[in-house]
């Protein structure tokens, strides 16, 4: 699983005017999955299922 920063740099993720993250391939806004036992957040594309980890 890549980080959100690496996804933004590689073009897999895009930010819109309101700083919302979206999958470049599906053009869907990313959903958030929070696991209380882990540090950080997992961002998931609801269309293709690709995941990126967001720390901090």
N, C-alpha and C. Protein backbone atom coordinates (compact mmCIF):
# COMPACT_ATOMS: atom_id res chain seq x y z
N UNK A 1 0.84 -1.17 0.00
CA UNK A 1 0.00 0.00 0.00
C UNK A 1 0.90 1.24 0.00
N UNK A 2 0.67 2.12 -0.95
CA UNK A 2 1.45 3.36 -1.06
C UNK A 2 0.87 4.42 -0.12
N UNK A 3 1.67 5.44 0.13
CA UNK A 3 1.19 6.56 0.92
C UNK A 3 0.41 7.51 0.00
N UNK A 4 -0.38 8.37 0.62
CA UNK A 4 -1.15 9.36 -0.13
C UNK A 4 -0.20 10.30 -0.86
N UNK A 5 0.90 10.69 -0.21
CA UNK A 5 1.87 11.58 -0.86
C UNK A 5 2.46 10.97 -2.13
N UNK A 6 2.83 9.69 -2.06
CA UNK A 6 3.38 9.03 -3.24
C UNK A 6 2.33 8.92 -4.33
N UNK A 7 1.09 8.69 -3.95
CA UNK A 7 -0.01 8.62 -4.91
C UNK A 7 -0.23 9.95 -5.61
N UNK A 8 -0.12 11.05 -4.85
CA UNK A 8 -0.26 12.38 -5.45
C UNK A 8 0.88 12.68 -6.41
N UNK A 9 2.11 12.32 -6.00
CA UNK A 9 3.28 12.59 -6.86
C UNK A 9 3.23 11.78 -8.15
N UNK A 10 2.77 10.52 -8.06
CA UNK A 10 2.76 9.65 -9.24
C UNK A 10 1.55 9.90 -10.14
N UNK A 11 0.58 10.68 -9.65
CA UNK A 11 -0.59 10.97 -10.46
C UNK A 11 -1.73 9.99 -10.28
N UNK A 12 -1.62 9.07 -9.32
CA UNK A 12 -2.71 8.12 -9.06
C UNK A 12 -3.86 8.78 -8.32
N UNK A 13 -3.56 9.85 -7.56
CA UNK A 13 -4.56 10.58 -6.79
C UNK A 13 -4.49 12.05 -7.22
N UNK A 14 -5.64 12.69 -7.24
CA UNK A 14 -5.71 14.12 -7.55
C UNK A 14 -6.45 14.84 -6.43
N UNK A 15 -6.14 16.12 -6.25
CA UNK A 15 -6.87 16.96 -5.32
C UNK A 15 -7.72 17.93 -6.11
N UNK A 16 -8.95 18.17 -5.64
CA UNK A 16 -9.79 19.16 -6.31
C UNK A 16 -9.62 20.52 -5.63
N UNK A 17 -10.41 21.48 -6.01
CA UNK A 17 -10.32 22.84 -5.51
C UNK A 17 -10.52 22.89 -3.99
N UNK A 18 -11.30 21.98 -3.45
CA UNK A 18 -11.60 21.95 -2.02
C UNK A 18 -10.70 21.01 -1.24
N UNK A 19 -9.57 20.58 -1.86
CA UNK A 19 -8.57 19.70 -1.23
C UNK A 19 -9.09 18.29 -0.97
N UNK A 20 -10.16 17.88 -1.65
CA UNK A 20 -10.66 16.51 -1.53
C UNK A 20 -9.83 15.61 -2.43
N UNK A 21 -9.55 14.40 -1.96
CA UNK A 21 -8.75 13.45 -2.73
C UNK A 21 -9.66 12.60 -3.61
N UNK A 22 -9.22 12.35 -4.84
CA UNK A 22 -9.99 11.53 -5.78
C UNK A 22 -9.04 10.62 -6.55
N UNK A 23 -9.51 9.44 -6.89
CA UNK A 23 -8.75 8.48 -7.69
C UNK A 23 -8.68 9.01 -9.13
N UNK A 24 -7.49 9.09 -9.69
CA UNK A 24 -7.33 9.61 -11.05
C UNK A 24 -7.94 8.68 -12.09
N UNK A 25 -7.86 7.40 -11.85
CA UNK A 25 -8.36 6.42 -12.81
C UNK A 25 -9.89 6.41 -12.88
N UNK A 26 -10.55 6.40 -11.71
CA UNK A 26 -12.01 6.29 -11.66
C UNK A 26 -12.70 7.64 -11.51
N UNK A 27 -11.94 8.66 -11.11
CA UNK A 27 -12.47 9.99 -10.84
C UNK A 27 -13.51 9.98 -9.72
N UNK A 28 -13.36 9.05 -8.78
CA UNK A 28 -14.24 8.95 -7.62
C UNK A 28 -13.55 9.53 -6.39
N UNK A 29 -14.29 10.20 -5.52
CA UNK A 29 -13.74 10.72 -4.28
C UNK A 29 -13.39 9.55 -3.36
N UNK A 30 -12.25 9.65 -2.69
CA UNK A 30 -11.79 8.56 -1.84
C UNK A 30 -12.55 8.52 -0.52
N UNK A 31 -12.89 7.31 -0.09
CA UNK A 31 -13.53 7.10 1.21
C UNK A 31 -12.44 6.91 2.26
N UNK A 32 -12.82 7.03 3.54
CA UNK A 32 -11.87 6.92 4.63
C UNK A 32 -12.20 5.72 5.48
N UNK A 33 -11.17 4.94 5.82
CA UNK A 33 -11.32 3.82 6.75
C UNK A 33 -10.40 4.07 7.93
N UNK A 34 -10.95 4.14 9.13
CA UNK A 34 -10.16 4.36 10.33
C UNK A 34 -10.11 3.09 11.17
N UNK A 35 -8.92 2.61 11.45
CA UNK A 35 -8.72 1.47 12.34
C UNK A 35 -8.20 2.02 13.66
N UNK A 36 -8.96 1.88 14.75
CA UNK A 36 -8.53 2.48 16.02
C UNK A 36 -7.24 1.89 16.58
N UNK A 37 -6.82 0.73 16.11
CA UNK A 37 -5.61 0.09 16.61
C UNK A 37 -4.36 0.51 15.85
N UNK A 38 -4.51 1.25 14.75
CA UNK A 38 -3.37 1.66 13.94
C UNK A 38 -3.27 3.17 13.87
N UNK A 39 -2.04 3.65 13.65
CA UNK A 39 -1.81 5.07 13.47
C UNK A 39 -2.06 5.43 12.02
N UNK A 40 -2.78 6.51 11.79
CA UNK A 40 -3.04 6.94 10.43
C UNK A 40 -4.41 6.51 9.94
N UNK A 41 -4.66 6.82 8.69
CA UNK A 41 -5.94 6.56 8.05
C UNK A 41 -5.70 5.89 6.71
N UNK A 42 -6.59 5.01 6.31
CA UNK A 42 -6.51 4.39 5.00
C UNK A 42 -7.56 5.03 4.11
N UNK A 43 -7.13 5.54 2.95
CA UNK A 43 -8.04 6.14 1.97
C UNK A 43 -8.28 5.12 0.88
N UNK A 44 -9.54 4.87 0.53
CA UNK A 44 -9.92 3.81 -0.40
C UNK A 44 -10.80 4.37 -1.50
N UNK A 45 -10.53 3.94 -2.73
CA UNK A 45 -11.40 4.28 -3.86
C UNK A 45 -12.58 3.30 -3.85
N UNK A 46 -13.81 3.80 -3.75
CA UNK A 46 -14.96 2.89 -3.72
C UNK A 46 -15.20 2.16 -5.03
N UNK A 47 -14.69 2.69 -6.14
CA UNK A 47 -14.90 2.09 -7.46
C UNK A 47 -13.94 0.93 -7.72
N UNK A 48 -12.62 1.17 -7.61
CA UNK A 48 -11.64 0.15 -7.97
C UNK A 48 -11.02 -0.56 -6.76
N UNK A 49 -11.21 -0.01 -5.55
CA UNK A 49 -10.70 -0.66 -4.36
C UNK A 49 -9.24 -0.38 -4.04
N UNK A 50 -8.59 0.48 -4.80
CA UNK A 50 -7.19 0.87 -4.54
C UNK A 50 -7.11 1.57 -3.19
N UNK A 51 -6.01 1.34 -2.45
CA UNK A 51 -5.85 1.91 -1.12
C UNK A 51 -4.55 2.68 -0.99
N UNK A 52 -4.62 3.77 -0.20
CA UNK A 52 -3.44 4.57 0.11
C UNK A 52 -3.48 4.88 1.60
N UNK A 53 -2.32 4.89 2.24
CA UNK A 53 -2.24 5.17 3.67
C UNK A 53 -1.89 6.64 3.89
N UNK A 54 -2.62 7.26 4.82
CA UNK A 54 -2.40 8.67 5.16
C UNK A 54 -2.02 8.75 6.62
N UNK A 55 -0.80 9.23 6.88
CA UNK A 55 -0.32 9.36 8.25
C UNK A 55 -0.32 10.83 8.62
N UNK A 56 -0.92 11.12 9.75
CA UNK A 56 -0.90 12.49 10.28
C UNK A 56 -1.86 13.41 9.72
